[in-house]
Amino acid sequence: MRPEGTPCWADAMFGDVEGAKRFYGDVLGWTFGVSSSEYGDYTQCYADGKAVAAVVPPVPGQEDQAQWCLYFATADAEASAARVREAGGDVVMGPMRVGDFGTMCLARDPGGVVFGLWQGGTHEGFEAVAEPGAYCWAEVFTREPGASDAFFPAVFGYTAKQMEDDNVDFRVFDLGEEPVLGRMAMTDDFPSEVPSYINVYFTVPDCDAAVTRATALGGTLRFGPMSTPFGRFAALSDPQGADFSVIDVTRTEGDMPKLTDVR
């Protein structure tokens, strides 16, 4: 059982699921399981035979809203949903049982960031992390950083550290001693129509090569590639508009930023 508040799964709805499979299969090296008609044609994605994400057709009315969703582990989805409401967020859907796999819930923080809760059953979540093709990291991109800074620790018990940088408002949420989630304040550089969201990072063996494949397949490069102390990364949008990032964690450069505990 993963500790409460640990990122544990990611999925996305796509109007063109087959197109998404072709794109991510080439960019991230994913293979795909058989879609489950019993669960809305939910299709698991695999990296080196390990489950790392899923793709699914959209629900009616959201055909053009491709977006990755990050799920956080919980031992009790009902109790976590109650904390979401108490902290000023909204429960968008659920909690609802998904067969023997587990219980899911979709929620939204006060600044509009949508995320999921997952109470694992036979499916506990990621079978690989920080391996090629697998989830590595995520950051809350928000226009209301104060709201997110209060909300996520209230729901998941995180502590926080603030980056000492006058040019960027960035915070890291820790679970115990482990950093599990970043928070980036959105600036005017983000188009006004882009809502607050969670940006998911997937690990790649070569960031530049992944960018080349993604853009050749119709993806859009939003930022980078850039070398950092955490790895070489780039921010992308896939051909259907879902934002994500790729990172080569083996290629690091520069000194780690200074972080100050937030009391």
C-alpha atoms as a PDB file:
ATOM      1  CA  MET A   1       0.000   0.000   0.000  1.00  0.00           C
ATOM      2  CA  ARG A   2       1.452   3.363  -1.022  1.00  0.00           C
ATOM      3  CA  PRO A   3       1.526   6.124   1.598  1.00  0.00           C
ATOM      4  CA  GLU A   4      -1.425   8.532   1.544  1.00  0.00           C
ATOM      5  CA  GLY A   5      -0.829  11.330  -0.962  1.00  0.00           C
ATOM      6  CA  THR A   6       1.733   9.490  -3.101  1.00  0.00           C
ATOM      7  CA  PRO A   7       1.211   9.972  -6.851  1.00  0.00           C
ATOM      8  CA  CYS A   8       0.179   6.491  -7.939  1.00  0.00           C
ATOM      9  CA  TRP A   9      -1.436   6.562 -11.418  1.00  0.00           C
ATOM     10  CA  ALA A  10      -2.038   8.686 -14.506  1.00  0.00           C
ATOM     11  CA  ASP A  11      -4.568   8.457 -17.304  1.00  0.00           C
ATOM     12  CA  ALA A  12      -5.976  10.639 -20.048  1.00  0.00           C
ATOM     13  CA  MET A  13      -9.103  10.866 -22.194  1.00  0.00           C
ATOM     14  CA  PHE A  14      -8.607  11.197 -25.945  1.00  0.00           C
ATOM     15  CA  GLY A  15     -11.142  11.720 -28.704  1.00  0.00           C
ATOM     16  CA  ASP A  16      -8.809   9.716 -30.935  1.00  0.00           C
ATOM     17  CA  VAL A  17      -7.533   6.894 -28.747  1.00  0.00           C
ATOM     18  CA  GLU A  18      -5.821   5.100 -31.614  1.00  0.00           C
ATOM     19  CA  GLY A  19      -4.016   8.316 -32.537  1.00  0.00           C
ATOM     20  CA  ALA A  20      -2.910   8.739 -28.920  1.00  0.00           C
ATOM     21  CA  LYS A  21      -1.604   5.166 -28.877  1.00  0.00           C
ATOM     22  CA  ARG A  22       0.427   5.758 -32.038  1.00  0.00           C
ATOM     23  CA  PHE A  23       1.870   8.994 -30.647  1.00  0.00           C
ATOM     24  CA  TYR A  24       2.815   7.792 -27.170  1.00  0.00           C
ATOM     25  CA  GLY A  25       3.867   4.398 -28.480  1.00  0.00           C
ATOM     26  CA  ASP A  26       6.490   6.110 -30.628  1.00  0.00           C
ATOM     27  CA  VAL A  27       7.488   8.916 -28.232  1.00  0.00           C
ATOM     28  CA  LEU A  28       7.579   6.902 -24.990  1.00  0.00           C
ATOM     29  CA  GLY A  29       7.920   3.359 -26.303  1.00  0.00           C
ATOM     30  CA  TRP A  30       4.619   2.234 -24.847  1.00  0.00           C
ATOM     31  CA  THR A  31       2.726  -0.918 -25.739  1.00  0.00           C
ATOM     32  CA  PHE A  32      -0.970  -1.292 -24.989  1.00  0.00           C
ATOM     33  CA  GLY A  33      -3.255  -3.823 -23.393  1.00  0.00           C
ATOM     34  CA  VAL A  34      -6.665  -4.889 -24.625  1.00  0.00           C
ATOM     35  CA  SER A  35      -9.317  -2.230 -24.025  1.00  0.00           C
ATOM     36  CA  SER A  36     -11.961  -3.156 -21.470  1.00  0.00           C
ATOM     37  CA  SER A  37     -15.459  -2.445 -22.798  1.00  0.00           C
ATOM     38  CA  GLU A  38     -16.843  -3.144 -19.313  1.00  0.00           C
ATOM     39  CA  TYR A  39     -14.900  -0.093 -18.068  1.00  0.00           C
ATOM     40  CA  GLY A  40     -15.444   2.369 -20.915  1.00  0.00           C
ATOM     41  CA  ASP A  41     -12.711   0.968 -23.193  1.00  0.00           C
ATOM     42  CA  TYR A  42     -10.054   1.804 -20.613  1.00  0.00           C
ATOM     43  CA  THR A  43      -6.700   0.738 -22.068  1.00  0.00           C
ATOM     44  CA  GLN A  44      -3.547   0.283 -20.010  1.00  0.00           C
ATOM     45  CA  CYS A  45      -0.167   1.452 -21.306  1.00  0.00           C
ATOM     46  CA  TYR A  46       2.990  -0.541 -20.638  1.00  0.00           C
ATOM     47  CA  ALA A  47       6.701   0.273 -20.592  1.00  0.00           C
ATOM     48  CA  ASP A  48       8.889  -2.819 -20.709  1.00  0.00           C
ATOM     49  CA  GLY A  49       5.859  -4.889 -19.730  1.00  0.00           C
ATOM     50  CA  LYS A  50       4.999  -2.793 -16.660  1.00  0.00           C
ATOM     51  CA  ALA A  51       1.754  -0.796 -16.328  1.00  0.00           C
ATOM     52  CA  VAL A  52       2.584   2.921 -16.345  1.00  0.00           C
ATOM     53  CA  ALA A  53      -0.591   4.775 -17.431  1.00  0.00           C
ATOM     54  CA  ALA A  54      -3.877   4.390 -19.304  1.00  0.00           C
ATOM     55  CA  VAL A  55      -5.831   6.006 -22.145  1.00  0.00           C
ATOM     56  CA  VAL A  56      -9.589   6.069 -22.521  1.00  0.00           C
ATOM     57  CA  PRO A  57     -12.220   7.580 -24.841  1.00  0.00           C
ATOM     58  CA  PRO A  58     -13.832  10.790 -23.519  1.00  0.00           C
ATOM     59  CA  VAL A  59     -17.151  10.969 -21.763  1.00  0.00           C
ATOM     60  CA  PRO A  60     -19.921  12.639 -23.790  1.00  0.00           C
ATOM     61  CA  GLY A  61     -19.475  16.397 -23.971  1.00  0.00           C
ATOM     62  CA  GLN A  62     -15.699  16.311 -23.386  1.00  0.00           C
ATOM     63  CA  GLU A  63     -14.551  15.030 -26.767  1.00  0.00           C
ATOM     64  CA  ASP A  64     -12.129  17.919 -27.285  1.00  0.00           C
ATOM     65  CA  GLN A  65     -10.669  18.106 -23.766  1.00  0.00           C
ATOM     66  CA  ALA A  66      -7.593  15.876 -23.823  1.00  0.00           C
ATOM     67  CA  GLN A  67      -5.766  16.188 -20.493  1.00  0.00           C
ATOM     68  CA  TRP A  68      -3.573  14.004 -18.330  1.00  0.00           C
ATOM     69  CA  CYS A  69      -4.918  13.323 -14.833  1.00  0.00           C
ATOM     70  CA  LEU A  70      -2.698  12.384 -11.896  1.00  0.00           C
ATOM     71  CA  TYR A  71      -4.090  10.191  -9.098  1.00  0.00           C
ATOM     72  CA  PHE A  72      -2.952  10.223  -5.485  1.00  0.00           C
ATOM     73  CA  ALA A  73      -3.020   7.141  -3.276  1.00  0.00           C
ATOM     74  CA  THR A  74      -5.509   6.948  -0.448  1.00  0.00           C
ATOM     75  CA  ALA A  75      -6.445   4.223   2.007  1.00  0.00           C
ATOM     76  CA  ASP A  76      -9.984   5.594   2.230  1.00  0.00           C
ATOM     77  CA  ALA A  77     -11.392   7.453  -0.777  1.00  0.00           C
ATOM     78  CA  GLU A  78     -14.483   8.590   1.138  1.00  0.00           C
ATOM     79  CA  ALA A  79     -12.376  10.130   3.909  1.00  0.00           C
ATOM     80  CA  SER A  80     -10.062  11.820   1.390  1.00  0.00           C
ATOM     81  CA  ALA A  81     -13.057  13.201  -0.512  1.00  0.00           C
ATOM     82  CA  ALA A  82     -14.349  14.647   2.752  1.00  0.00           C
ATOM     83  CA  ARG A  83     -10.982  16.359   3.348  1.00  0.00           C
ATOM     84  CA  VAL A  84     -11.121  17.775  -0.192  1.00  0.00           C
ATOM     85  CA  ARG A  85     -14.454  19.438   0.629  1.00  0.00           C
ATOM     86  CA  GLU A  86     -13.275  20.626   4.047  1.00  0.00           C
ATOM     87  CA  ALA A  87     -10.234  22.256   2.433  1.00  0.00           C
ATOM     88  CA  GLY A  88     -12.378  24.204  -0.031  1.00  0.00           C
ATOM     89  CA  GLY A  89     -12.133  21.885  -3.030  1.00  0.00           C
ATOM     90  CA  ASP A  90     -14.832  20.114  -5.026  1.00  0.00           C
ATOM     91  CA  VAL A  91     -15.527  16.441  -5.615  1.00  0.00           C
ATOM     92  CA  VAL A  92     -16.167  16.155  -9.346  1.00  0.00           C
ATOM     93  CA  MET A  93     -16.993  12.451  -9.527  1.00  0.00           C
ATOM     94  CA  GLY A  94     -17.247   9.567  -7.083  1.00  0.00           C
ATOM     95  CA  PRO A  95     -15.921   8.011  -5.015  1.00  0.00           C
ATOM     96  CA  MET A  96     -16.932   4.962  -7.057  1.00  0.00           C
ATOM     97  CA  ARG A  97     -15.853   1.342  -7.098  1.00  0.00           C
ATOM     98  CA  VAL A  98     -14.163   0.072 -10.248  1.00  0.00           C
ATOM     99  CA  GLY A  99     -14.744  -3.654  -9.914  1.00  0.00           C
ATOM    100  CA  ASP A 100     -12.034  -5.306  -7.840  1.00  0.00           C
ATOM    101  CA  PHE A 101      -9.426  -2.872  -9.167  1.00  0.00           C
ATOM    102  CA  GLY A 102     -10.090  -0.180  -6.567  1.00  0.00           C
ATOM    103  CA  THR A 103     -12.083   2.966  -5.831  1.00  0.00           C
ATOM    104  CA  MET A 104     -11.622   6.198  -7.753  1.00  0.00           C
ATOM    105  CA  CYS A 105     -12.608   9.790  -7.228  1.00  0.00           C
ATOM    106  CA  LEU A 106     -12.030  12.941  -9.269  1.00  0.00           C
ATOM    107  CA  ALA A 107     -11.592  16.206  -7.398  1.00  0.00           C
ATOM    108  CA  ARG A 108     -10.638  19.840  -7.964  1.00  0.00           C
ATOM    109  CA  ASP A 109      -8.673  22.223  -5.771  1.00  0.00           C
ATOM    110  CA  PRO A 110      -9.940  25.788  -5.092  1.00  0.00           C
ATOM    111  CA  GLY A 111      -7.839  27.104  -7.990  1.00  0.00           C
ATOM    112  CA  GLY A 112      -9.341  24.695 -10.517  1.00  0.00           C
ATOM    113  CA  VAL A 113      -6.649  21.983 -10.597  1.00  0.00           C
ATOM    114  CA  VAL A 114      -8.285  18.619 -11.367  1.00  0.00           C
ATOM    115  CA  PHE A 115      -6.744  15.441  -9.925  1.00  0.00           C
ATOM    116  CA  GLY A 116      -7.743  11.945  -8.914  1.00  0.00           C
ATOM    117  CA  LEU A 117      -7.824   9.841  -5.766  1.00  0.00           C
ATOM    118  CA  TRP A 118      -7.178   6.109  -5.986  1.00  0.00           C
ATOM    119  CA  GLN A 119      -7.873   3.551  -3.274  1.00  0.00           C
ATOM    120  CA  GLY A 120      -6.099   0.532  -4.662  1.00  0.00           C
ATOM    121  CA  GLY A 121      -7.587  -2.942  -4.776  1.00  0.00           C
ATOM    122  CA  THR A 122      -6.092  -5.484  -7.151  1.00  0.00           C
ATOM    123  CA  HIS A 123      -4.669  -2.516  -9.101  1.00  0.00           C
ATOM    124  CA  GLU A 124      -2.396  -0.476  -6.840  1.00  0.00           C
ATOM    125  CA  GLY A 125      -1.130   1.864  -9.554  1.00  0.00           C
ATOM    126  CA  PHE A 126       2.210   2.369 -11.287  1.00  0.00           C
ATOM    127  CA  GLU A 127       4.257  -0.800 -11.716  1.00  0.00           C
ATOM    128  CA  ALA A 128       7.323   1.302 -12.561  1.00  0.00           C
ATOM    129  CA  VAL A 129       8.450   4.834 -11.676  1.00  0.00           C
ATOM    130  CA  ALA A 130      11.409   6.830 -13.039  1.00  0.00           C
ATOM    131  CA  GLU A 131      12.212   4.129 -15.602  1.00  0.00           C
ATOM    132  CA  PRO A 132      12.128   4.754 -19.372  1.00  0.00           C
ATOM    133  CA  GLY A 133       8.510   5.329 -20.403  1.00  0.00           C
ATOM    134  CA  ALA A 134       7.268   5.576 -16.814  1.00  0.00           C
ATOM    135  CA  TYR A 135       5.985   8.420 -14.652  1.00  0.00           C
ATOM    136  CA  CYS A 136       8.704  10.368 -12.873  1.00  0.00           C
ATOM    137  CA  TRP A 137       7.385  13.639 -11.416  1.00  0.00           C
ATOM    138  CA  ALA A 138       4.488  16.095 -11.522  1.00  0.00           C
ATOM    139  CA  GLU A 139       3.879  19.775 -10.873  1.00  0.00           C
ATOM    140  CA  VAL A 140       0.724  21.717 -10.100  1.00  0.00           C
ATOM    141  CA  PHE A 141       0.602  24.680 -12.500  1.00  0.00           C
ATOM    142  CA  THR A 142      -1.782  27.145 -10.893  1.00  0.00           C
ATOM    143  CA  ARG A 143      -2.948  30.731 -11.203  1.00  0.00           C
ATOM    144  CA  GLU A 144      -3.848  30.664  -7.498  1.00  0.00           C
ATOM    145  CA  PRO A 145      -0.699  29.407  -5.737  1.00  0.00           C
ATOM    146  CA  GLY A 146      -1.917  30.452  -2.309  1.00  0.00           C
ATOM    147  CA  ALA A 147      -5.010  28.286  -2.673  1.00  0.00           C
ATOM    148  CA  SER A 148      -3.026  25.247  -3.790  1.00  0.00           C
ATOM    149  CA  ASP A 149      -0.417  25.812  -1.063  1.00  0.00           C
ATOM    150  CA  ALA A 150      -3.104  25.589   1.607  1.00  0.00           C
ATOM    151  CA  PHE A 151      -5.176  22.873  -0.052  1.00  0.00           C
ATOM    152  CA  PHE A 152      -2.780  20.020  -0.829  1.00  0.00           C
ATOM    153  CA  PRO A 153      -1.113  19.892   2.608  1.00  0.00           C
ATOM    154  CA  ALA A 154      -4.578  19.979   4.205  1.00  0.00           C
ATOM    155  CA  VAL A 155      -5.749  16.997   2.155  1.00  0.00           C
ATOM    156  CA  PHE A 156      -2.597  14.871   2.122  1.00  0.00           C
ATOM    157  CA  GLY A 157      -0.545  16.032   5.109  1.00  0.00           C
ATOM    158  CA  TYR A 158       2.320  17.374   3.024  1.00  0.00           C
ATOM    159  CA  THR A 159       5.019  19.661   4.342  1.00  0.00           C
ATOM    160  CA  ALA A 160       6.412  22.285   1.972  1.00  0.00           C
ATOM    161  CA  LYS A 161       9.652  23.942   0.878  1.00  0.00           C
ATOM    162  CA  GLN A 162       9.866  27.161  -1.156  1.00  0.00           C
ATOM    163  CA  MET A 163      12.522  27.646  -3.818  1.00  0.00           C
ATOM    164  CA  GLU A 164      14.751  30.663  -3.153  1.00  0.00           C
ATOM    165  CA  ASP A 165      14.462  32.337  -6.557  1.00  0.00           C
ATOM    166  CA  ASP A 166      13.138  35.840  -7.194  1.00  0.00           C
ATOM    167  CA  ASN A 167      12.307  34.954 -10.811  1.00  0.00           C
ATOM    168  CA  VAL A 168      10.019  31.991 -10.184  1.00  0.00           C
ATOM    169  CA  ASP A 169       7.431  31.060  -7.557  1.00  0.00           C
ATOM    170  CA  PHE A 170       8.036  27.345  -7.074  1.00  0.00           C
ATOM    171  CA  ARG A 171       7.285  25.109  -4.120  1.00  0.00           C
ATOM    172  CA  VAL A 172       7.906  21.436  -3.369  1.00  0.00           C
ATOM    173  CA  PHE A 173       5.514  19.305  -1.322  1.00  0.00           C
ATOM    174  CA  ASP A 174       7.108  16.541   0.737  1.00  0.00           C
ATOM    175  CA  LEU A 175       5.594  13.391   2.179  1.00  0.00           C
ATOM    176  CA  GLY A 176       7.794  12.652   5.157  1.00  0.00           C
ATOM    177  CA  GLU A 177      11.281  13.287   3.783  1.00  0.00           C
ATOM    178  CA  GLU A 178      10.302  12.443   0.207  1.00  0.00           C
ATOM    179  CA  PRO A 179       9.491  15.165  -2.368  1.00  0.00           C
ATOM    180  CA  VAL A 180       6.345  14.033  -4.184  1.00  0.00           C
ATOM    181  CA  LEU A 181       4.881  17.052  -5.985  1.00  0.00           C
ATOM    182  CA  GLY A 182       5.907  20.472  -7.265  1.00  0.00           C
ATOM    183  CA  ARG A 183       3.828  23.667  -7.420  1.00  0.00           C
ATOM    184  CA  MET A 184       4.514  26.299 -10.045  1.00  0.00           C
ATOM    185  CA  ALA A 185       2.743  29.669 -10.084  1.00  0.00           C
ATOM    186  CA  MET A 186       1.538  30.373 -13.636  1.00  0.00           C
ATOM    187  CA  THR A 187       2.726  33.702 -15.037  1.00  0.00           C
ATOM    188  CA  ASP A 188       1.392  35.904 -17.815  1.00  0.00           C
ATOM    189  CA  ASP A 189       3.467  33.802 -20.212  1.00  0.00           C
ATOM    190  CA  PHE A 190       0.672  31.239 -20.070  1.00  0.00           C
ATOM    191  CA  PRO A 191      -2.208  32.052 -22.442  1.00  0.00           C
ATOM    192  CA  SER A 192      -5.308  33.160 -20.516  1.00  0.00           C
ATOM    193  CA  GLU A 193      -7.338  30.250 -21.909  1.00  0.00           C
ATOM    194  CA  VAL A 194      -4.993  27.664 -20.349  1.00  0.00           C
ATOM    195  CA  PRO A 195      -6.556  26.531 -17.053  1.00  0.00           C
ATOM    196  CA  SER A 196      -4.646  25.462 -13.958  1.00  0.00           C
ATOM    197  CA  TYR A 197      -3.566  21.830 -14.270  1.00  0.00           C
ATOM    198  CA  ILE A 198      -1.116  19.153 -13.144  1.00  0.00           C
ATOM    199  CA  ASN A 199       1.800  18.618 -15.518  1.00  0.00           C
ATOM    200  CA  VAL A 200       2.996  15.011 -15.594  1.00  0.00           C
ATOM    201  CA  TYR A 201       6.594  14.066 -16.433  1.00  0.00           C
ATOM    202  CA  PHE A 202       7.480  10.808 -18.175  1.00  0.00           C
ATOM    203  CA  THR A 203      11.018   9.420 -18.172  1.00  0.00           C
ATOM    204  CA  VAL A 204      12.888   9.044 -21.467  1.00  0.00           C
ATOM    205  CA  PRO A 205      16.420   7.827 -22.229  1.00  0.00           C
ATOM    206  CA  ASP A 206      17.074  10.847 -24.497  1.00  0.00           C
ATOM    207  CA  CYS A 207      15.076  14.074 -24.113  1.00  0.00           C
ATOM    208  CA  ASP A 208      16.122  15.597 -27.431  1.00  0.00           C
ATOM    209  CA  ALA A 209      15.305  12.449 -29.371  1.00  0.00           C
ATOM    210  CA  ALA A 210      11.881  12.261 -27.697  1.00  0.00           C
ATOM    211  CA  VAL A 211      11.185  15.889 -28.659  1.00  0.00           C
ATOM    212  CA  THR A 212      12.192  15.185 -32.241  1.00  0.00           C
ATOM    213  CA  ARG A 213       9.811  12.206 -32.421  1.00  0.00           C
ATOM    214  CA  ALA A 214       6.981  14.115 -30.735  1.00  0.00           C
ATOM    215  CA  THR A 215       7.159  17.134 -33.036  1.00  0.00           C
ATOM    216  CA  ALA A 216       7.496  14.941 -36.138  1.00  0.00           C
ATOM    217  CA  LEU A 217       4.238  13.248 -35.109  1.00  0.00           C
ATOM    218  CA  GLY A 218       2.345  16.539 -34.710  1.00  0.00           C
ATOM    219  CA  GLY A 219       3.167  17.386 -31.111  1.00  0.00           C
ATOM    220  CA  THR A 220       4.093  20.925 -30.061  1.00  0.00           C
ATOM    221  CA  LEU A 221       7.234  21.888 -28.156  1.00  0.00           C
ATOM    222  CA  ARG A 222       6.243  24.324 -25.384  1.00  0.00           C
ATOM    223  CA  PHE A 223       9.565  24.698 -23.552  1.00  0.00           C
ATOM    224  CA  GLY A 224      13.084  23.308 -23.740  1.00  0.00           C
ATOM    225  CA  PRO A 225      14.873  21.054 -24.033  1.00  0.00           C
ATOM    226  CA  MET A 226      16.706  22.397 -21.004  1.00  0.00           C
ATOM    227  CA  SER A 227      19.343  20.847 -18.759  1.00  0.00           C
ATOM    228  CA  THR A 228      18.778  21.177 -15.010  1.00  0.00           C
ATOM    229  CA  PRO A 229      20.116  19.606 -11.790  1.00  0.00           C
ATOM    230  CA  PHE A 230      17.176  17.169 -11.986  1.00  0.00           C
ATOM    231  CA  GLY A 231      17.732  16.101 -15.603  1.00  0.00           C
ATOM    232  CA  ARG A 232      17.252  17.336 -19.153  1.00  0.00           C
ATOM    233  CA  PHE A 233      13.582  18.015 -19.809  1.00  0.00           C
ATOM    234  CA  ALA A 234      11.113  19.525 -22.255  1.00  0.00           C
ATOM    235  CA  ALA A 235       7.445  20.495 -22.042  1.00  0.00           C
ATOM    236  CA  LEU A 236       5.204  19.306 -24.874  1.00  0.00           C
ATOM    237  CA  SER A 237       1.620  19.127 -26.037  1.00  0.00           C
ATOM    238  CA  ASP A 238       0.502  16.045 -27.933  1.00  0.00           C
ATOM    239  CA  PRO A 239      -1.428  16.394 -31.218  1.00  0.00           C
ATOM    240  CA  GLN A 240      -4.747  16.389 -29.322  1.00  0.00           C
ATOM    241  CA  GLY A 241      -3.658  19.144 -26.942  1.00  0.00           C
ATOM    242  CA  ALA A 242      -2.770  17.188 -23.790  1.00  0.00           C
ATOM    243  CA  ASP A 243       0.224  18.743 -22.008  1.00  0.00           C
ATOM    244  CA  PHE A 244       3.023  16.613 -20.593  1.00  0.00           C
ATOM    245  CA  SER A 245       6.786  16.704 -20.108  1.00  0.00           C
ATOM    246  CA  VAL A 246       9.637  14.333 -20.839  1.00  0.00           C
ATOM    247  CA  ILE A 247      12.824  14.115 -18.790  1.00  0.00           C
ATOM    248  CA  ASP A 248      16.124  12.281 -19.033  1.00  0.00           C
ATOM    249  CA  VAL A 249      17.058  11.958 -15.364  1.00  0.00           C
ATOM    250  CA  THR A 250      20.557  10.676 -16.177  1.00  0.00           C
ATOM    251  CA  ARG A 251      21.653  13.957 -17.786  1.00  0.00           C
ATOM    252  CA  THR A 252      21.962  16.524 -15.007  1.00  0.00           C
ATOM    253  CA  GLU A 253      23.632  19.928 -15.003  1.00  0.00           C
ATOM    254  CA  GLY A 254      24.130  22.704 -12.442  1.00  0.00           C
ATOM    255  CA  ASP A 255      23.687  23.010  -8.689  1.00  0.00           C
ATOM    256  CA  MET A 256      20.554  22.013  -6.852  1.00  0.00           C
ATOM    257  CA  PRO A 257      18.350  25.010  -5.992  1.00  0.00           C
ATOM    258  CA  LYS A 258      18.064  26.178  -2.399  1.00  0.00           C
ATOM    259  CA  LEU A 259      14.773  25.288  -0.726  1.00  0.00           C
ATOM    260  CA  THR A 260      13.480  26.813   2.513  1.00  0.00           C
ATOM    261  CA  ASP A 261      11.031  25.082   4.848  1.00  0.00           C
ATOM    262  CA  VAL A 262       7.618  26.709   4.928  1.00  0.00           C
ATOM    263  CA  ARG A 263       6.153  26.918   8.416  1.00  0.00           C
END
